Amino acid sequence: MGNAVSARQESWLRATEKRINFTTSILGSIRNVKVLGLTEVMSSMIEGLRTEELEFSKKFRQLQSIRAHQ
């Protein structure tokens, strides 16, 4: 069970890092994003990455909960 927990935690952390890197990239070029009218598109993309991150988080936390109750 420990390996499964570690794998899920790693997936969650990778998803978090992916979202943070994307957000940082967008913020670094925010002027261009605004000029091109892509604010809503980028916001939607970040929201999608956050949703994906939360799904990985949920899977990790479910295993943690099961492990804690054993």
PDB file of N, CA and C in Angstrom:
ATOM      1  N   MET A   1       0.834  -1.193   0.000  1.00  0.00           N
ATOM      2  CA  MET A   1       0.000   0.000   0.000  1.00  0.00           C
ATOM      3  C   MET A   1       0.873   1.250   0.000  1.00  0.00           C
ATOM      4  N   GLY A   2       2.038   1.184   0.647  1.00  0.00           N
ATOM      5  CA  GLY A   2       2.927   2.344   0.716  1.00  0.00           C
ATOM      6  C   GLY A   2       3.365   2.832  -0.648  1.00  0.00           C
ATOM      7  N   ASN A   3       3.641   1.889  -1.561  1.00  0.00           N
ATOM      8  CA  ASN A   3       4.052   2.275  -2.914  1.00  0.00           C
ATOM      9  C   ASN A   3       2.931   2.982  -3.654  1.00  0.00           C
ATOM     10  N   ALA A   4       1.705   2.513  -3.455  1.00  0.00           N
ATOM     11  CA  ALA A   4       0.555   3.144  -4.112  1.00  0.00           C
ATOM     12  C   ALA A   4       0.367   4.565  -3.598  1.00  0.00           C
ATOM     13  N   VAL A   5       0.538   4.745  -2.295  1.00  0.00           N
ATOM     14  CA  VAL A   5       0.407   6.080  -1.703  1.00  0.00           C
ATOM     15  C   VAL A   5       1.489   6.999  -2.258  1.00  0.00           C
ATOM     16  N   SER A   6       2.712   6.512  -2.303  1.00  0.00           N
ATOM     17  CA  SER A   6       3.820   7.316  -2.827  1.00  0.00           C
ATOM     18  C   SER A   6       3.598   7.684  -4.289  1.00  0.00           C
ATOM     19  N   ALA A   7       3.119   6.736  -5.073  1.00  0.00           N
ATOM     20  CA  ALA A   7       2.867   6.996  -6.496  1.00  0.00           C
ATOM     21  C   ALA A   7       1.781   8.048  -6.674  1.00  0.00           C
ATOM     22  N   ARG A   8       0.735   7.950  -5.868  1.00  0.00           N
ATOM     23  CA  ARG A   8      -0.353   8.934  -5.985  1.00  0.00           C
ATOM     24  C   ARG A   8       0.099  10.311  -5.518  1.00  0.00           C
ATOM     25  N   GLN A   9       0.909  10.340  -4.470  1.00  0.00           N
ATOM     26  CA  GLN A   9       1.421  11.626  -4.001  1.00  0.00           C
ATOM     27  C   GLN A   9       2.313  12.254  -5.074  1.00  0.00           C
ATOM     28  N   GLU A  10       3.126  11.443  -5.707  1.00  0.00           N
ATOM     29  CA  GLU A  10       4.006  11.938  -6.764  1.00  0.00           C
ATOM     30  C   GLU A  10       3.186  12.496  -7.934  1.00  0.00           C
ATOM     31  N   SER A  11       2.112  11.809  -8.294  1.00  0.00           N
ATOM     32  CA  SER A  11       1.237  12.294  -9.372  1.00  0.00           C
ATOM     33  C   SER A  11       0.614  13.630  -9.000  1.00  0.00           C
ATOM     34  N   TRP A  12       0.181  13.739  -7.754  1.00  0.00           N
ATOM     35  CA  TRP A  12      -0.420  14.984  -7.276  1.00  0.00           C
ATOM     36  C   TRP A  12       0.605  16.120  -7.329  1.00  0.00           C
ATOM     37  N   LEU A  13       1.806  15.857  -6.849  1.00  0.00           N
ATOM     38  CA  LEU A  13       2.845  16.889  -6.844  1.00  0.00           C
ATOM     39  C   LEU A  13       3.242  17.303  -8.259  1.00  0.00           C
ATOM     40  N   ARG A  14       3.273  16.350  -9.186  1.00  0.00           N
ATOM     41  CA  ARG A  14       3.572  16.688 -10.587  1.00  0.00           C
ATOM     42  C   ARG A  14       2.479  17.574 -11.176  1.00  0.00           C
ATOM     43  N   ALA A  15       1.219  17.272 -10.848  1.00  0.00           N
ATOM     44  CA  ALA A  15       0.107  18.086 -11.339  1.00  0.00           C
ATOM     45  C   ALA A  15       0.179  19.496 -10.753  1.00  0.00           C
ATOM     46  N   THR A  16       0.546  19.605  -9.483  1.00  0.00           N
ATOM     47  CA  THR A  16       0.691  20.912  -8.841  1.00  0.00           C
ATOM     48  C   THR A  16       1.802  21.707  -9.511  1.00  0.00           C
ATOM     49  N   GLU A  17       2.920  21.052  -9.737  1.00  0.00           N
ATOM     50  CA  GLU A  17       4.052  21.721 -10.375  1.00  0.00           C
ATOM     51  C   GLU A  17       3.701  22.173 -11.792  1.00  0.00           C
ATOM     52  N   LYS A  18       2.962  21.351 -12.509  1.00  0.00           N
ATOM     53  CA  LYS A  18       2.539  21.693 -13.869  1.00  0.00           C
ATOM     54  C   LYS A  18       1.686  22.960 -13.856  1.00  0.00           C
ATOM     55  N   ARG A  19       0.728  23.024 -12.917  1.00  0.00           N
ATOM     56  CA  ARG A  19      -0.145  24.197 -12.816  1.00  0.00           C
ATOM     57  C   ARG A  19       0.651  25.439 -12.430  1.00  0.00           C
ATOM     58  N   ILE A  20       1.526  25.312 -11.466  1.00  0.00           N
ATOM     59  CA  ILE A  20       2.320  26.457 -11.009  1.00  0.00           C
ATOM     60  C   ILE A  20       3.236  26.959 -12.121  1.00  0.00           C
ATOM     61  N   ASN A  21       3.882  26.046 -12.830  1.00  0.00           N
ATOM     62  CA  ASN A  21       4.759  26.452 -13.934  1.00  0.00           C
ATOM     63  C   ASN A  21       3.980  27.166 -15.032  1.00  0.00           C
ATOM     64  N   PHE A  22       2.806  26.651 -15.360  1.00  0.00           N
ATOM     65  CA  PHE A  22       1.981  27.284 -16.387  1.00  0.00           C
ATOM     66  C   PHE A  22       1.544  28.675 -15.937  1.00  0.00           C
ATOM     67  N   THR A  23       1.090  28.781 -14.692  1.00  0.00           N
ATOM     68  CA  THR A  23       0.655  30.070 -14.150  1.00  0.00           C
ATOM     69  C   THR A  23       1.803  31.068 -14.142  1.00  0.00           C
ATOM     70  N   THR A  24       2.970  30.634 -13.727  1.00  0.00           N
ATOM     71  CA  THR A  24       4.151  31.504 -13.713  1.00  0.00           C
ATOM     72  C   THR A  24       4.480  31.993 -15.117  1.00  0.00           C
ATOM     73  N   SER A  25       4.383  31.101 -16.072  1.00  0.00           N
ATOM     74  CA  SER A  25       4.651  31.458 -17.464  1.00  0.00           C
ATOM     75  C   SER A  25       3.658  32.510 -17.957  1.00  0.00           C
ATOM     76  N   ILE A  26       2.402  32.314 -17.639  1.00  0.00           N
ATOM     77  CA  ILE A  26       1.364  33.264 -18.057  1.00  0.00           C
ATOM     78  C   ILE A  26       1.601  34.617 -17.397  1.00  0.00           C
ATOM     79  N   LEU A  27       1.892  34.612 -16.111  1.00  0.00           N
ATOM     80  CA  LEU A  27       2.125  35.875 -15.408  1.00  0.00           C
ATOM     81  C   LEU A  27       3.346  36.606 -15.954  1.00  0.00           C
ATOM     82  N   GLY A  28       4.318  35.844 -16.429  1.00  0.00           N
ATOM     83  CA  GLY A  28       5.509  36.447 -17.011  1.00  0.00           C
ATOM     84  C   GLY A  28       5.234  37.157 -18.327  1.00  0.00           C
ATOM     85  N   SER A  29       4.158  36.763 -18.976  1.00  0.00           N
ATOM     86  CA  SER A  29       3.811  37.402 -20.247  1.00  0.00           C
ATOM     87  C   SER A  29       2.385  37.942 -20.215  1.00  0.00           C
ATOM     88  N   ILE A  30       1.979  38.430 -19.048  1.00  0.00           N
ATOM     89  CA  ILE A  30       0.599  38.883 -18.860  1.00  0.00           C
ATOM     90  C   ILE A  30       0.228  40.021 -19.806  1.00  0.00           C
ATOM     91  N   ARG A  31       1.180  40.874 -20.091  1.00  0.00           N
ATOM     92  CA  ARG A  31       0.903  41.991 -20.998  1.00  0.00           C
ATOM     93  C   ARG A  31       0.470  41.467 -22.372  1.00  0.00           C
ATOM     94  N   ASN A  32       1.206  40.496 -22.887  1.00  0.00           N
ATOM     95  CA  ASN A  32       0.858  39.899 -24.183  1.00  0.00           C
ATOM     96  C   ASN A  32      -0.488  39.184 -24.130  1.00  0.00           C
ATOM     97  N   VAL A  33      -0.731  38.491 -23.035  1.00  0.00           N
ATOM     98  CA  VAL A  33      -2.002  37.781 -22.867  1.00  0.00           C
ATOM     99  C   VAL A  33      -3.159  38.770 -22.941  1.00  0.00           C
ATOM    100  N   LYS A  34      -3.023  39.895 -22.260  1.00  0.00           N
ATOM    101  CA  LYS A  34      -4.087  40.904 -22.257  1.00  0.00           C
ATOM    102  C   LYS A  34      -4.243  41.557 -23.623  1.00  0.00           C
ATOM    103  N   VAL A  35      -3.118  41.910 -24.252  1.00  0.00           N
ATOM    104  CA  VAL A  35      -3.165  42.558 -25.569  1.00  0.00           C
ATOM    105  C   VAL A  35      -3.845  41.648 -26.592  1.00  0.00           C
ATOM    106  N   LEU A  36      -3.571  40.360 -26.513  1.00  0.00           N
ATOM    107  CA  LEU A  36      -4.149  39.407 -27.457  1.00  0.00           C
ATOM    108  C   LEU A  36      -5.566  38.973 -27.074  1.00  0.00           C
ATOM    109  N   GLY A  37      -6.054  39.452 -25.934  1.00  0.00           N
ATOM    110  CA  GLY A  37      -7.403  39.108 -25.498  1.00  0.00           C
ATOM    111  C   GLY A  37      -7.543  37.662 -25.060  1.00  0.00           C
ATOM    112  N   LEU A  38      -6.489  37.115 -24.509  1.00  0.00           N
ATOM    113  CA  LEU A  38      -6.492  35.705 -24.119  1.00  0.00           C
ATOM    114  C   LEU A  38      -6.675  35.484 -22.618  1.00  0.00           C
ATOM    115  N   THR A  39      -7.062  36.522 -21.906  1.00  0.00           N
ATOM    116  CA  THR A  39      -7.188  36.414 -20.451  1.00  0.00           C
ATOM    117  C   THR A  39      -8.149  35.301 -20.045  1.00  0.00           C
ATOM    118  N   GLU A  40      -9.324  35.274 -20.660  1.00  0.00           N
ATOM    119  CA  GLU A  40     -10.317  34.257 -20.291  1.00  0.00           C
ATOM    120  C   GLU A  40      -9.860  32.857 -20.688  1.00  0.00           C
ATOM    121  N   VAL A  41      -9.217  32.751 -21.837  1.00  0.00           N
ATOM    122  CA  VAL A  41      -8.716  31.449 -22.297  1.00  0.00           C
ATOM    123  C   VAL A  41      -7.674  30.920 -21.315  1.00  0.00           C
ATOM    124  N   MET A  42      -6.739  31.772 -20.928  1.00  0.00           N
ATOM    125  CA  MET A  42      -5.686  31.354 -19.998  1.00  0.00           C
ATOM    126  C   MET A  42      -6.269  31.030 -18.628  1.00  0.00           C
ATOM    127  N   SER A  43      -7.229  31.823 -18.205  1.00  0.00           N
ATOM    128  CA  SER A  43      -7.889  31.570 -16.923  1.00  0.00           C
ATOM    129  C   SER A  43      -8.569  30.203 -16.940  1.00  0.00           C
ATOM    130  N   SER A  44      -9.222  29.902 -18.042  1.00  0.00           N
ATOM    131  CA  SER A  44      -9.892  28.615 -18.191  1.00  0.00           C
ATOM    132  C   SER A  44      -8.885  27.463 -18.185  1.00  0.00           C
ATOM    133  N   MET A  45      -7.753  27.675 -18.828  1.00  0.00           N
ATOM    134  CA  MET A  45      -6.720  26.636 -18.854  1.00  0.00           C
ATOM    135  C   MET A  45      -6.156  26.392 -17.457  1.00  0.00           C
ATOM    136  N   ILE A  46      -5.928  27.461 -16.717  1.00  0.00           N
ATOM    137  CA  ILE A  46      -5.425  27.323 -15.343  1.00  0.00           C
ATOM    138  C   ILE A  46      -6.458  26.620 -14.475  1.00  0.00           C
ATOM    139  N   GLU A  47      -7.724  26.965 -14.667  1.00  0.00           N
ATOM    140  CA  GLU A  47      -8.793  26.323 -13.904  1.00  0.00           C
ATOM    141  C   GLU A  47      -8.843  24.818 -14.207  1.00  0.00           C
ATOM    142  N   GLY A  48      -8.651  24.458 -15.467  1.00  0.00           N
ATOM    143  CA  GLY A  48      -8.617  23.043 -15.843  1.00  0.00           C
ATOM    144  C   GLY A  48      -7.459  22.309 -15.187  1.00  0.00           C
ATOM    145  N   LEU A  49      -6.306  22.958 -15.153  1.00  0.00           N
ATOM    146  CA  LEU A  49      -5.144  22.353 -14.491  1.00  0.00           C
ATOM    147  C   LEU A  49      -5.393  22.194 -12.994  1.00  0.00           C
ATOM    148  N   ARG A  50      -6.074  23.159 -12.400  1.00  0.00           N
ATOM    149  CA  ARG A  50      -6.383  23.080 -10.968  1.00  0.00           C
ATOM    150  C   ARG A  50      -7.357  21.933 -10.696  1.00  0.00           C
ATOM    151  N   THR A  51      -8.336  21.772 -11.564  1.00  0.00           N
ATOM    152  CA  THR A  51      -9.288  20.672 -11.422  1.00  0.00           C
ATOM    153  C   THR A  51      -8.569  19.328 -11.509  1.00  0.00           C
ATOM    154  N   GLU A  52      -7.662  19.222 -12.468  1.00  0.00           N
ATOM    155  CA  GLU A  52      -6.855  18.004 -12.623  1.00  0.00           C
ATOM    156  C   GLU A  52      -6.020  17.753 -11.365  1.00  0.00           C
ATOM    157  N   GLU A  53      -5.426  18.805 -10.853  1.00  0.00           N
ATOM    158  CA  GLU A  53      -4.614  18.704  -9.636  1.00  0.00           C
ATOM    159  C   GLU A  53      -5.454  18.207  -8.460  1.00  0.00           C
ATOM    160  N   LEU A  54      -6.660  18.738  -8.328  1.00  0.00           N
ATOM    161  CA  LEU A  54      -7.533  18.329  -7.226  1.00  0.00           C
ATOM    162  C   LEU A  54      -7.954  16.867  -7.343  1.00  0.00           C
ATOM    163  N   GLU A  55      -8.112  16.374  -8.564  1.00  0.00           N
ATOM    164  CA  GLU A  55      -8.443  14.959  -8.750  1.00  0.00           C
ATOM    165  C   GLU A  55      -7.296  14.067  -8.266  1.00  0.00           C
ATOM    166  N   PHE A  56      -6.074  14.443  -8.598  1.00  0.00           N
ATOM    167  CA  PHE A  56      -4.920  13.685  -8.109  1.00  0.00           C
ATOM    168  C   PHE A  56      -4.836  13.775  -6.587  1.00  0.00           C
ATOM    169  N   SER A  57      -5.125  14.945  -6.058  1.00  0.00           N
ATOM    170  CA  SER A  57      -5.102  15.146  -4.607  1.00  0.00           C
ATOM    171  C   SER A  57      -6.131  14.248  -3.923  1.00  0.00           C
ATOM    172  N   LYS A  58      -7.311  14.187  -4.513  1.00  0.00           N
ATOM    173  CA  LYS A  58      -8.382  13.380  -3.935  1.00  0.00           C
ATOM    174  C   LYS A  58      -7.985  11.904  -3.878  1.00  0.00           C
ATOM    175  N   LYS A  59      -7.372  11.406  -4.949  1.00  0.00           N
ATOM    176  CA  LYS A  59      -6.949  10.001  -4.975  1.00  0.00           C
ATOM    177  C   LYS A  59      -5.892   9.722  -3.905  1.00  0.00           C
ATOM    178  N   PHE A  60      -4.966  10.651  -3.753  1.00  0.00           N
ATOM    179  CA  PHE A  60      -3.929  10.501  -2.729  1.00  0.00           C
ATOM    180  C   PHE A  60      -4.552  10.507  -1.337  1.00  0.00           C
ATOM    181  N   ARG A  61      -5.428  11.469  -1.083  1.00  0.00           N
ATOM    182  CA  ARG A  61      -6.034  11.585   0.248  1.00  0.00           C
ATOM    183  C   ARG A  61      -6.915  10.392   0.585  1.00  0.00           C
ATOM    184  N   GLN A  62      -7.574   9.811  -0.416  1.00  0.00           N
ATOM    185  CA  GLN A  62      -8.382   8.618  -0.170  1.00  0.00           C
ATOM    186  C   GLN A  62      -7.503   7.467   0.321  1.00  0.00           C
ATOM    187  N   LEU A  63      -6.380   7.272  -0.338  1.00  0.00           N
ATOM    188  CA  LEU A  63      -5.468   6.208   0.103  1.00  0.00           C
ATOM    189  C   LEU A  63      -4.886   6.506   1.477  1.00  0.00           C
ATOM    190  N   GLN A  64      -4.572   7.758   1.734  1.00  0.00           N
ATOM    191  CA  GLN A  64      -4.049   8.141   3.051  1.00  0.00           C
ATOM    192  C   GLN A  64      -5.075   7.829   4.135  1.00  0.00           C
ATOM    193  N   SER A  65      -6.330   8.103   3.844  1.00  0.00           N
ATOM    194  CA  SER A  65      -7.399   7.850   4.806  1.00  0.00           C
ATOM    195  C   SER A  65      -7.537   6.356   5.085  1.00  0.00           C
ATOM    196  N   ILE A  66      -7.502   5.561   4.035  1.00  0.00           N
ATOM    197  CA  ILE A  66      -7.595   4.105   4.197  1.00  0.00           C
ATOM    198  C   ILE A  66      -6.411   3.595   5.010  1.00  0.00           C
ATOM    199  N   ARG A  67      -5.254   4.101   4.685  1.00  0.00           N
ATOM    200  CA  ARG A  67      -4.029   3.685   5.377  1.00  0.00           C
ATOM    201  C   ARG A  67      -4.068   4.068   6.861  1.00  0.00           C
ATOM    202  N   ALA A  68      -4.623   5.218   7.172  1.00  0.00           N
ATOM    203  CA  ALA A  68      -4.683   5.694   8.554  1.00  0.00           C
ATOM    204  C   ALA A  68      -5.650   4.866   9.400  1.00  0.00           C
ATOM    205  N   HIS A  69      -6.641   4.273   8.751  1.00  0.00           N
ATOM    206  CA  HIS A  69      -7.644   3.509   9.486  1.00  0.00           C
ATOM    207  C   HIS A  69      -7.325   2.021   9.562  1.00  0.00           C
ATOM    208  N   GLN A  70      -6.145   1.640   9.157  1.00  0.00           N
ATOM    209  CA  GLN A  70      -5.781   0.214   9.217  1.00  0.00           C
ATOM    210  C   GLN A  70      -5.127  -0.111  10.530  1.00  0.00           C
TER     211      GLN A  70
END
